[in-house]
Amino acid sequence: MRTHYSSEIKQDLSGKTVRVAGWIRSLREHGNLKFITLTDRAGSVQITAKKGEVSDDILKQVSELRREFVVLIEGDVRKNDQAPNGV
């Protein structure tokens, strides 16, 4: 079950584990880094999976995802000044 909506993912949650649910709006890859844009009723949040930081099983699951899939994703919030909302 989700713990937060996308609009609630802010810098004050940095370091905390959250679960977000929604549908995949976009997927892209940049080297060893995979990006997912997840959309829910409150907005969108960017999710990243980096080789070496997540298990090979997670990377395999991410590579099998497609646009419009409905997913529940658990992960740690990380501060990133370049990202929307700073996380």
PDB file of N, CA and C in Angstrom:
ATOM      1  N   MET A   1       0.835  -1.178   0.000  1.00  0.00           N
ATOM      2  CA  MET A   1       0.000   0.000   0.000  1.00  0.00           C
ATOM      3  C   MET A   1       0.885   1.249   0.000  1.00  0.00           C
ATOM      4  N   ARG A   2       0.461   2.260  -0.699  1.00  0.00           N
ATOM      5  CA  ARG A   2       1.220   3.514  -0.808  1.00  0.00           C
ATOM      6  C   ARG A   2       1.314   4.200   0.555  1.00  0.00           C
ATOM      7  N   THR A   3       2.441   4.869   0.759  1.00  0.00           N
ATOM      8  CA  THR A   3       2.619   5.675   1.968  1.00  0.00           C
ATOM      9  C   THR A   3       2.490   7.163   1.664  1.00  0.00           C
ATOM     10  N   HIS A   4       2.730   7.547   0.395  1.00  0.00           N
ATOM     11  CA  HIS A   4       2.719   8.956   0.007  1.00  0.00           C
ATOM     12  C   HIS A   4       2.219   9.115  -1.427  1.00  0.00           C
ATOM     13  N   TYR A   5       1.636  10.266  -1.699  1.00  0.00           N
ATOM     14  CA  TYR A   5       1.354  10.676  -3.078  1.00  0.00           C
ATOM     15  C   TYR A   5       2.566  11.448  -3.584  1.00  0.00           C
ATOM     16  N   SER A   6       2.687  11.545  -4.890  1.00  0.00           N
ATOM     17  CA  SER A   6       3.860  12.195  -5.488  1.00  0.00           C
ATOM     18  C   SER A   6       4.064  13.619  -4.980  1.00  0.00           C
ATOM     19  N   SER A   7       2.999  14.354  -4.774  1.00  0.00           N
ATOM     20  CA  SER A   7       3.120  15.750  -4.328  1.00  0.00           C
ATOM     21  C   SER A   7       3.666  15.866  -2.902  1.00  0.00           C
ATOM     22  N   GLU A   8       3.668  14.771  -2.157  1.00  0.00           N
ATOM     23  CA  GLU A   8       4.161  14.779  -0.779  1.00  0.00           C
ATOM     24  C   GLU A   8       5.658  14.463  -0.681  1.00  0.00           C
ATOM     25  N   ILE A   9       6.265  14.089  -1.794  1.00  0.00           N
ATOM     26  CA  ILE A   9       7.686  13.738  -1.789  1.00  0.00           C
ATOM     27  C   ILE A   9       8.495  15.029  -1.852  1.00  0.00           C
ATOM     28  N   LYS A  10       8.994  15.435  -0.709  1.00  0.00           N
ATOM     29  CA  LYS A  10       9.737  16.696  -0.559  1.00  0.00           C
ATOM     30  C   LYS A  10      11.059  16.427   0.157  1.00  0.00           C
ATOM     31  N   GLN A  11      11.893  17.468   0.256  1.00  0.00           N
ATOM     32  CA  GLN A  11      13.215  17.326   0.873  1.00  0.00           C
ATOM     33  C   GLN A  11      13.165  16.846   2.320  1.00  0.00           C
ATOM     34  N   ASP A  12      12.099  17.153   3.032  1.00  0.00           N
ATOM     35  CA  ASP A  12      12.031  16.725   4.433  1.00  0.00           C
ATOM     36  C   ASP A  12      11.936  15.205   4.574  1.00  0.00           C
ATOM     37  N   LEU A  13      11.647  14.504   3.472  1.00  0.00           N
ATOM     38  CA  LEU A  13      11.595  13.041   3.498  1.00  0.00           C
ATOM     39  C   LEU A  13      12.927  12.411   3.089  1.00  0.00           C
ATOM     40  N   SER A  14      13.930  13.224   2.804  1.00  0.00           N
ATOM     41  CA  SER A  14      15.229  12.705   2.372  1.00  0.00           C
ATOM     42  C   SER A  14      15.763  11.702   3.393  1.00  0.00           C
ATOM     43  N   GLY A  15      16.167  10.533   2.890  1.00  0.00           N
ATOM     44  CA  GLY A  15      16.666   9.471   3.759  1.00  0.00           C
ATOM     45  C   GLY A  15      15.605   8.507   4.233  1.00  0.00           C
ATOM     46  N   LYS A  16      14.346   8.823   4.015  1.00  0.00           N
ATOM     47  CA  LYS A  16      13.236   7.966   4.444  1.00  0.00           C
ATOM     48  C   LYS A  16      12.815   7.034   3.301  1.00  0.00           C
ATOM     49  N   THR A  17      12.260   5.893   3.660  1.00  0.00           N
ATOM     50  CA  THR A  17      11.724   4.951   2.684  1.00  0.00           C
ATOM     51  C   THR A  17      10.240   5.244   2.493  1.00  0.00           C
ATOM     52  N   VAL A  18       9.826   5.342   1.231  1.00  0.00           N
ATOM     53  CA  VAL A  18       8.422   5.611   0.907  1.00  0.00           C
ATOM     54  C   VAL A  18       7.943   4.613  -0.142  1.00  0.00           C
ATOM     55  N   ARG A  19       6.626   4.503  -0.260  1.00  0.00           N
ATOM     56  CA  ARG A  19       6.001   3.714  -1.320  1.00  0.00           C
ATOM     57  C   ARG A  19       5.051   4.621  -2.078  1.00  0.00           C
ATOM     58  N   VAL A  20       5.234   4.675  -3.395  1.00  0.00           N
ATOM     59  CA  VAL A  20       4.351   5.456  -4.255  1.00  0.00           C
ATOM     60  C   VAL A  20       3.715   4.514  -5.268  1.00  0.00           C
ATOM     61  N   ALA A  21       2.509   4.849  -5.678  1.00  0.00           N
ATOM     62  CA  ALA A  21       1.787   4.019  -6.644  1.00  0.00           C
ATOM     63  C   ALA A  21       1.209   4.914  -7.726  1.00  0.00           C
ATOM     64  N   GLY A  22       1.149   4.382  -8.919  1.00  0.00           N
ATOM     65  CA  GLY A  22       0.587   5.129 -10.033  1.00  0.00           C
ATOM     66  C   GLY A  22       0.897   4.435 -11.335  1.00  0.00           C
ATOM     67  N   TRP A  23       0.818   5.192 -12.418  1.00  0.00           N
ATOM     68  CA  TRP A  23       1.112   4.606 -13.717  1.00  0.00           C
ATOM     69  C   TRP A  23       2.367   5.250 -14.286  1.00  0.00           C
ATOM     70  N   ILE A  24       3.061   4.489 -15.103  1.00  0.00           N
ATOM     71  CA  ILE A  24       4.315   4.962 -15.680  1.00  0.00           C
ATOM     72  C   ILE A  24       4.020   5.865 -16.860  1.00  0.00           C
ATOM     73  N   ARG A  25       4.440   7.113 -16.752  1.00  0.00           N
ATOM     74  CA  ARG A  25       4.259   8.080 -17.833  1.00  0.00           C
ATOM     75  C   ARG A  25       5.409   8.012 -18.824  1.00  0.00           C
ATOM     76  N   SER A  26       6.630   7.828 -18.319  1.00  0.00           N
ATOM     77  CA  SER A  26       7.773   7.720 -19.233  1.00  0.00           C
ATOM     78  C   SER A  26       8.885   6.899 -18.600  1.00  0.00           C
ATOM     79  N   LEU A  27       9.702   6.342 -19.485  1.00  0.00           N
ATOM     80  CA  LEU A  27      10.875   5.561 -19.097  1.00  0.00           C
ATOM     81  C   LEU A  27      12.030   6.004 -19.976  1.00  0.00           C
ATOM     82  N   ARG A  28      13.212   6.122 -19.383  1.00  0.00           N
ATOM     83  CA  ARG A  28      14.390   6.399 -20.206  1.00  0.00           C
ATOM     84  C   ARG A  28      15.623   5.869 -19.499  1.00  0.00           C
ATOM     85  N   GLU A  29      16.672   5.726 -20.282  1.00  0.00           N
ATOM     86  CA  GLU A  29      17.918   5.185 -19.780  1.00  0.00           C
ATOM     87  C   GLU A  29      19.056   6.121 -20.146  1.00  0.00           C
ATOM     88  N   HIS A  30      20.006   6.259 -19.252  1.00  0.00           N
ATOM     89  CA  HIS A  30      21.197   7.063 -19.512  1.00  0.00           C
ATOM     90  C   HIS A  30      22.378   6.322 -18.893  1.00  0.00           C
ATOM     91  N   GLY A  31      23.055   5.514 -19.696  1.00  0.00           N
ATOM     92  CA  GLY A  31      24.151   4.692 -19.182  1.00  0.00           C
ATOM     93  C   GLY A  31      23.653   3.663 -18.189  1.00  0.00           C
ATOM     94  N   ASN A  32      24.213   3.675 -16.992  1.00  0.00           N
ATOM     95  CA  ASN A  32      23.827   2.721 -15.945  1.00  0.00           C
ATOM     96  C   ASN A  32      22.656   3.200 -15.105  1.00  0.00           C
ATOM     97  N   LEU A  33      22.003   4.260 -15.540  1.00  0.00           N
ATOM     98  CA  LEU A  33      20.925   4.871 -14.774  1.00  0.00           C
ATOM     99  C   LEU A  33      19.612   4.784 -15.539  1.00  0.00           C
ATOM    100  N   LYS A  34      18.580   4.279 -14.870  1.00  0.00           N
ATOM    101  CA  LYS A  34      17.245   4.190 -15.468  1.00  0.00           C
ATOM    102  C   LYS A  34      16.336   5.182 -14.753  1.00  0.00           C
ATOM    103  N   PHE A  35      15.522   5.879 -15.527  1.00  0.00           N
ATOM    104  CA  PHE A  35      14.596   6.875 -14.995  1.00  0.00           C
ATOM    105  C   PHE A  35      13.164   6.442 -15.273  1.00  0.00           C
ATOM    106  N   ILE A  36      12.309   6.584 -14.273  1.00  0.00           N
ATOM    107  CA  ILE A  36      10.874   6.331 -14.415  1.00  0.00           C
ATOM    108  C   ILE A  36      10.157   7.590 -13.957  1.00  0.00           C
ATOM    109  N   THR A  37       9.224   8.079 -14.762  1.00  0.00           N
ATOM    110  CA  THR A  37       8.333   9.142 -14.301  1.00  0.00           C
ATOM    111  C   THR A  37       7.015   8.473 -13.950  1.00  0.00           C
ATOM    112  N   LEU A  38       6.666   8.531 -12.675  1.00  0.00           N
ATOM    113  CA  LEU A  38       5.453   7.910 -12.151  1.00  0.00           C
ATOM    114  C   LEU A  38       4.422   8.998 -11.894  1.00  0.00           C
ATOM    115  N   THR A  39       3.224   8.798 -12.399  1.00  0.00           N
ATOM    116  CA  THR A  39       2.149   9.772 -12.236  1.00  0.00           C
ATOM    117  C   THR A  39       1.038   9.172 -11.380  1.00  0.00           C
ATOM    118  N   ASP A  40       0.557   9.966 -10.426  1.00  0.00           N
ATOM    119  CA  ASP A  40      -0.611   9.574  -9.641  1.00  0.00           C
ATOM    120  C   ASP A  40      -1.598  10.735  -9.640  1.00  0.00           C
ATOM    121  N   ARG A  41      -2.635  10.659  -8.838  1.00  0.00           N
ATOM    122  CA  ARG A  41      -3.672  11.700  -8.878  1.00  0.00           C
ATOM    123  C   ARG A  41      -3.179  13.062  -8.393  1.00  0.00           C
ATOM    124  N   ALA A  42      -2.036  13.087  -7.711  1.00  0.00           N
ATOM    125  CA  ALA A  42      -1.523  14.336  -7.153  1.00  0.00           C
ATOM    126  C   ALA A  42      -0.431  14.979  -8.004  1.00  0.00           C
ATOM    127  N   GLY A  43       0.095  14.253  -8.979  1.00  0.00           N
ATOM    128  CA  GLY A  43       1.172  14.798  -9.804  1.00  0.00           C
ATOM    129  C   GLY A  43       2.110  13.711 -10.276  1.00  0.00           C
ATOM    130  N   SER A  44       3.394  14.059 -10.376  1.00  0.00           N
ATOM    131  CA  SER A  44       4.403  13.119 -10.872  1.00  0.00           C
ATOM    132  C   SER A  44       5.637  13.148  -9.986  1.00  0.00           C
ATOM    133  N   VAL A  45       6.361  12.044 -10.012  1.00  0.00           N
ATOM    134  CA  VAL A  45       7.622  11.938  -9.284  1.00  0.00           C
ATOM    135  C   VAL A  45       8.595  11.144 -10.155  1.00  0.00           C
ATOM    136  N   GLN A  46       9.869  11.530 -10.098  1.00  0.00           N
ATOM    137  CA  GLN A  46      10.892  10.808 -10.856  1.00  0.00           C
ATOM    138  C   GLN A  46      11.544   9.774  -9.957  1.00  0.00           C
ATOM    139  N   ILE A  47      11.686   8.571 -10.494  1.00  0.00           N
ATOM    140  CA  ILE A  47      12.296   7.460  -9.776  1.00  0.00           C
ATOM    141  C   ILE A  47      13.528   7.037 -10.557  1.00  0.00           C
ATOM    142  N   THR A  48      14.617   6.758  -9.855  1.00  0.00           N
ATOM    143  CA  THR A  48      15.836   6.313 -10.522  1.00  0.00           C
ATOM    144  C   THR A  48      16.267   4.956  -9.984  1.00  0.00           C
ATOM    145  N   ALA A  49      16.884   4.182 -10.865  1.00  0.00           N
ATOM    146  CA  ALA A  49      17.482   2.901 -10.489  1.00  0.00           C
ATOM    147  C   ALA A  49      18.868   2.863 -11.116  1.00  0.00           C
ATOM    148  N   LYS A  50      19.895   2.800 -10.287  1.00  0.00           N
ATOM    149  CA  LYS A  50      21.275   2.849 -10.781  1.00  0.00           C
ATOM    150  C   LYS A  50      21.969   1.519 -10.534  1.00  0.00           C
ATOM    151  N   LYS A  51      22.597   1.012 -11.591  1.00  0.00           N
ATOM    152  CA  LYS A  51      23.357  -0.227 -11.472  1.00  0.00           C
ATOM    153  C   LYS A  51      24.411  -0.046 -10.386  1.00  0.00           C
ATOM    154  N   GLY A  52      24.515  -1.039  -9.520  1.00  0.00           N
ATOM    155  CA  GLY A  52      25.452  -0.964  -8.408  1.00  0.00           C
ATOM    156  C   GLY A  52      24.813  -0.453  -7.129  1.00  0.00           C
ATOM    157  N   GLU A  53      23.670   0.231  -7.262  1.00  0.00           N
ATOM    158  CA  GLU A  53      22.958   0.729  -6.078  1.00  0.00           C
ATOM    159  C   GLU A  53      21.681  -0.054  -5.804  1.00  0.00           C
ATOM    160  N   VAL A  54      21.154  -0.703  -6.850  1.00  0.00           N
ATOM    161  CA  VAL A  54      19.992  -1.579  -6.683  1.00  0.00           C
ATOM    162  C   VAL A  54      20.386  -2.966  -7.185  1.00  0.00           C
ATOM    163  N   SER A  55      19.655  -3.966  -6.765  1.00  0.00           N
ATOM    164  CA  SER A  55      19.991  -5.339  -7.145  1.00  0.00           C
ATOM    165  C   SER A  55      19.772  -5.569  -8.642  1.00  0.00           C
ATOM    166  N   ASP A  56      20.436  -6.585  -9.164  1.00  0.00           N
ATOM    167  CA  ASP A  56      20.246  -6.956 -10.572  1.00  0.00           C
ATOM    168  C   ASP A  56      18.799  -7.349 -10.829  1.00  0.00           C
ATOM    169  N   ASP A  57      18.143  -7.950  -9.819  1.00  0.00           N
ATOM    170  CA  ASP A  57      16.737  -8.333  -9.961  1.00  0.00           C
ATOM    171  C   ASP A  57      15.858  -7.100 -10.168  1.00  0.00           C
ATOM    172  N   ILE A  58      16.116  -6.045  -9.413  1.00  0.00           N
ATOM    173  CA  ILE A  58      15.351  -4.796  -9.574  1.00  0.00           C
ATOM    174  C   ILE A  58      15.602  -4.205 -10.954  1.00  0.00           C
ATOM    175  N   LEU A  59      16.860  -4.175 -11.394  1.00  0.00           N
ATOM    176  CA  LEU A  59      17.173  -3.645 -12.730  1.00  0.00           C
ATOM    177  C   LEU A  59      16.458  -4.435 -13.816  1.00  0.00           C
ATOM    178  N   LYS A  60      16.383  -5.750 -13.651  1.00  0.00           N
ATOM    179  CA  LYS A  60      15.671  -6.590 -14.625  1.00  0.00           C
ATOM    180  C   LYS A  60      14.186  -6.235 -14.634  1.00  0.00           C
ATOM    181  N   GLN A  61      13.597  -6.086 -13.448  1.00  0.00           N
ATOM    182  CA  GLN A  61      12.181  -5.728 -13.370  1.00  0.00           C
ATOM    183  C   GLN A  61      11.922  -4.370 -14.016  1.00  0.00           C
ATOM    184  N   VAL A  62      12.799  -3.404 -13.771  1.00  0.00           N
ATOM    185  CA  VAL A  62      12.640  -2.070 -14.361  1.00  0.00           C
ATOM    186  C   VAL A  62      12.722  -2.153 -15.877  1.00  0.00           C
ATOM    187  N   SER A  63      13.626  -2.982 -16.397  1.00  0.00           N
ATOM    188  CA  SER A  63      13.780  -3.092 -17.854  1.00  0.00           C
ATOM    189  C   SER A  63      12.555  -3.722 -18.516  1.00  0.00           C
ATOM    190  N   GLU A  64      11.743  -4.433 -17.755  1.00  0.00           N
ATOM    191  CA  GLU A  64      10.536  -5.067 -18.294  1.00  0.00           C
ATOM    192  C   GLU A  64       9.307  -4.158 -18.228  1.00  0.00           C
ATOM    193  N   LEU A  65       9.439  -3.001 -17.585  1.00  0.00           N
ATOM    194  CA  LEU A  65       8.310  -2.072 -17.472  1.00  0.00           C
ATOM    195  C   LEU A  65       8.050  -1.366 -18.796  1.00  0.00           C
ATOM    196  N   ARG A  66       6.813  -0.948 -18.996  1.00  0.00           N
ATOM    197  CA  ARG A  66       6.409  -0.200 -20.187  1.00  0.00           C
ATOM    198  C   ARG A  66       5.527   0.968 -19.760  1.00  0.00           C
ATOM    199  N   ARG A  67       5.391   1.939 -20.670  1.00  0.00           N
ATOM    200  CA  ARG A  67       4.502   3.077 -20.410  1.00  0.00           C
ATOM    201  C   ARG A  67       3.094   2.568 -20.099  1.00  0.00           C
ATOM    202  N   GLU A  68       2.434   3.270 -19.194  1.00  0.00           N
ATOM    203  CA  GLU A  68       1.058   2.996 -18.772  1.00  0.00           C
ATOM    204  C   GLU A  68       0.920   1.800 -17.832  1.00  0.00           C
ATOM    205  N   PHE A  69       2.014   1.094 -17.521  1.00  0.00           N
ATOM    206  CA  PHE A  69       1.928   0.049 -16.506  1.00  0.00           C
ATOM    207  C   PHE A  69       1.566   0.715 -15.181  1.00  0.00           C
ATOM    208  N   VAL A  70       0.774   0.041 -14.370  1.00  0.00           N
ATOM    209  CA  VAL A  70       0.433   0.516 -13.029  1.00  0.00           C
ATOM    210  C   VAL A  70       1.342  -0.220 -12.046  1.00  0.00           C
ATOM    211  N   VAL A  71       2.024   0.548 -11.200  1.00  0.00           N
ATOM    212  CA  VAL A  71       3.029  -0.046 -10.320  1.00  0.00           C
ATOM    213  C   VAL A  71       2.968   0.545  -8.911  1.00  0.00           C
ATOM    214  N   LEU A  72       3.526  -0.192  -7.984  1.00  0.00           N
ATOM    215  CA  LEU A  72       3.790   0.271  -6.621  1.00  0.00           C
ATOM    216  C   LEU A  72       5.296   0.156  -6.443  1.00  0.00           C
ATOM    217  N   ILE A  73       5.951   1.260  -6.119  1.00  0.00           N
ATOM    218  CA  ILE A  73       7.408   1.274  -6.009  1.00  0.00           C
ATOM    219  C   ILE A  73       7.810   1.758  -4.623  1.00  0.00           C
ATOM    220  N   GLU A  74       8.720   1.003  -4.006  1.00  0.00           N
ATOM    221  CA  GLU A  74       9.264   1.381  -2.704  1.00  0.00           C
ATOM    222  C   GLU A  74      10.721   1.771  -2.886  1.00  0.00           C
ATOM    223  N   GLY A  75      11.103   2.856  -2.248  1.00  0.00           N
ATOM    224  CA  GLY A  75      12.493   3.284  -2.338  1.00  0.00           C
ATOM    225  C   GLY A  75      12.794   4.396  -1.359  1.00  0.00           C
ATOM    226  N   ASP A  76      14.057   4.762  -1.325  1.00  0.00           N
ATOM    227  CA  ASP A  76      14.520   5.817  -0.428  1.00  0.00           C
ATOM    228  C   ASP A  76      14.509   7.159  -1.143  1.00  0.00           C
ATOM    229  N   VAL A  77      14.039   8.176  -0.457  1.00  0.00           N
ATOM    230  CA  VAL A  77      14.033   9.537  -1.000  1.00  0.00           C
ATOM    231  C   VAL A  77      15.442  10.100  -0.851  1.00  0.00           C
ATOM    232  N   ARG A  78      15.936  10.689  -1.937  1.00  0.00           N
ATOM    233  CA  ARG A  78      17.270  11.292  -1.909  1.00  0.00           C
ATOM    234  C   ARG A  78      17.192  12.739  -2.345  1.00  0.00           C
ATOM    235  N   LYS A  79      17.897  13.579  -1.605  1.00  0.00           N
ATOM    236  CA  LYS A  79      17.960  14.994  -1.950  1.00  0.00           C
ATOM    237  C   LYS A  79      18.743  15.152  -3.252  1.00  0.00           C
ATOM    238  N   ASN A  80      18.215  16.001  -4.142  1.00  0.00           N
ATOM    239  CA  ASN A  80      18.886  16.318  -5.400  1.00  0.00           C
ATOM    240  C   ASN A  80      18.443  17.715  -5.797  1.00  0.00           C
ATOM    241  N   ASP A  81      19.321  18.675  -5.677  1.00  0.00           N
ATOM    242  CA  ASP A  81      18.962  20.069  -5.941  1.00  0.00           C
ATOM    243  C   ASP A  81      18.523  20.318  -7.378  1.00  0.00           C
ATOM    244  N   GLN A  82      18.889  19.436  -8.309  1.00  0.00           N
ATOM    245  CA  GLN A  82      18.506  19.603  -9.708  1.00  0.00           C
ATOM    246  C   GLN A  82      17.118  19.036 -10.008  1.00  0.00           C
ATOM    247  N   ALA A  83      16.590  18.227  -9.121  1.00  0.00           N
ATOM    248  CA  ALA A  83      15.306  17.570  -9.353  1.00  0.00           C
ATOM    249  C   ALA A  83      14.148  18.465  -8.915  1.00  0.00           C
ATOM    250  N   PRO A  84      12.974  18.252  -9.513  1.00  0.00           N
ATOM    251  CA  PRO A  84      11.792  18.980  -9.046  1.00  0.00           C
ATOM    252  C   PRO A  84      11.568  18.703  -7.556  1.00  0.00           C
ATOM    253  N   ASN A  85      11.173  19.690  -6.817  1.00  0.00           N
ATOM    254  CA  ASN A  85      10.967  19.598  -5.362  1.00  0.00           C
ATOM    255  C   ASN A  85      12.252  19.297  -4.595  1.00  0.00           C
ATOM    256  N   GLY A  86      13.394  19.283  -5.288  1.00  0.00           N
ATOM    257  CA  GLY A  86      14.674  19.073  -4.616  1.00  0.00           C
ATOM    258  C   GLY A  86      14.961  17.653  -4.192  1.00  0.00           C
ATOM    259  N   VAL A  87      14.142  16.714  -4.659  1.00  0.00           N
ATOM    260  CA  VAL A  87      14.356  15.294  -4.346  1.00  0.00           C
ATOM    261  C   VAL A  87      14.173  14.449  -5.578  1.00  0.00           C
TER     262      VAL A  87
END
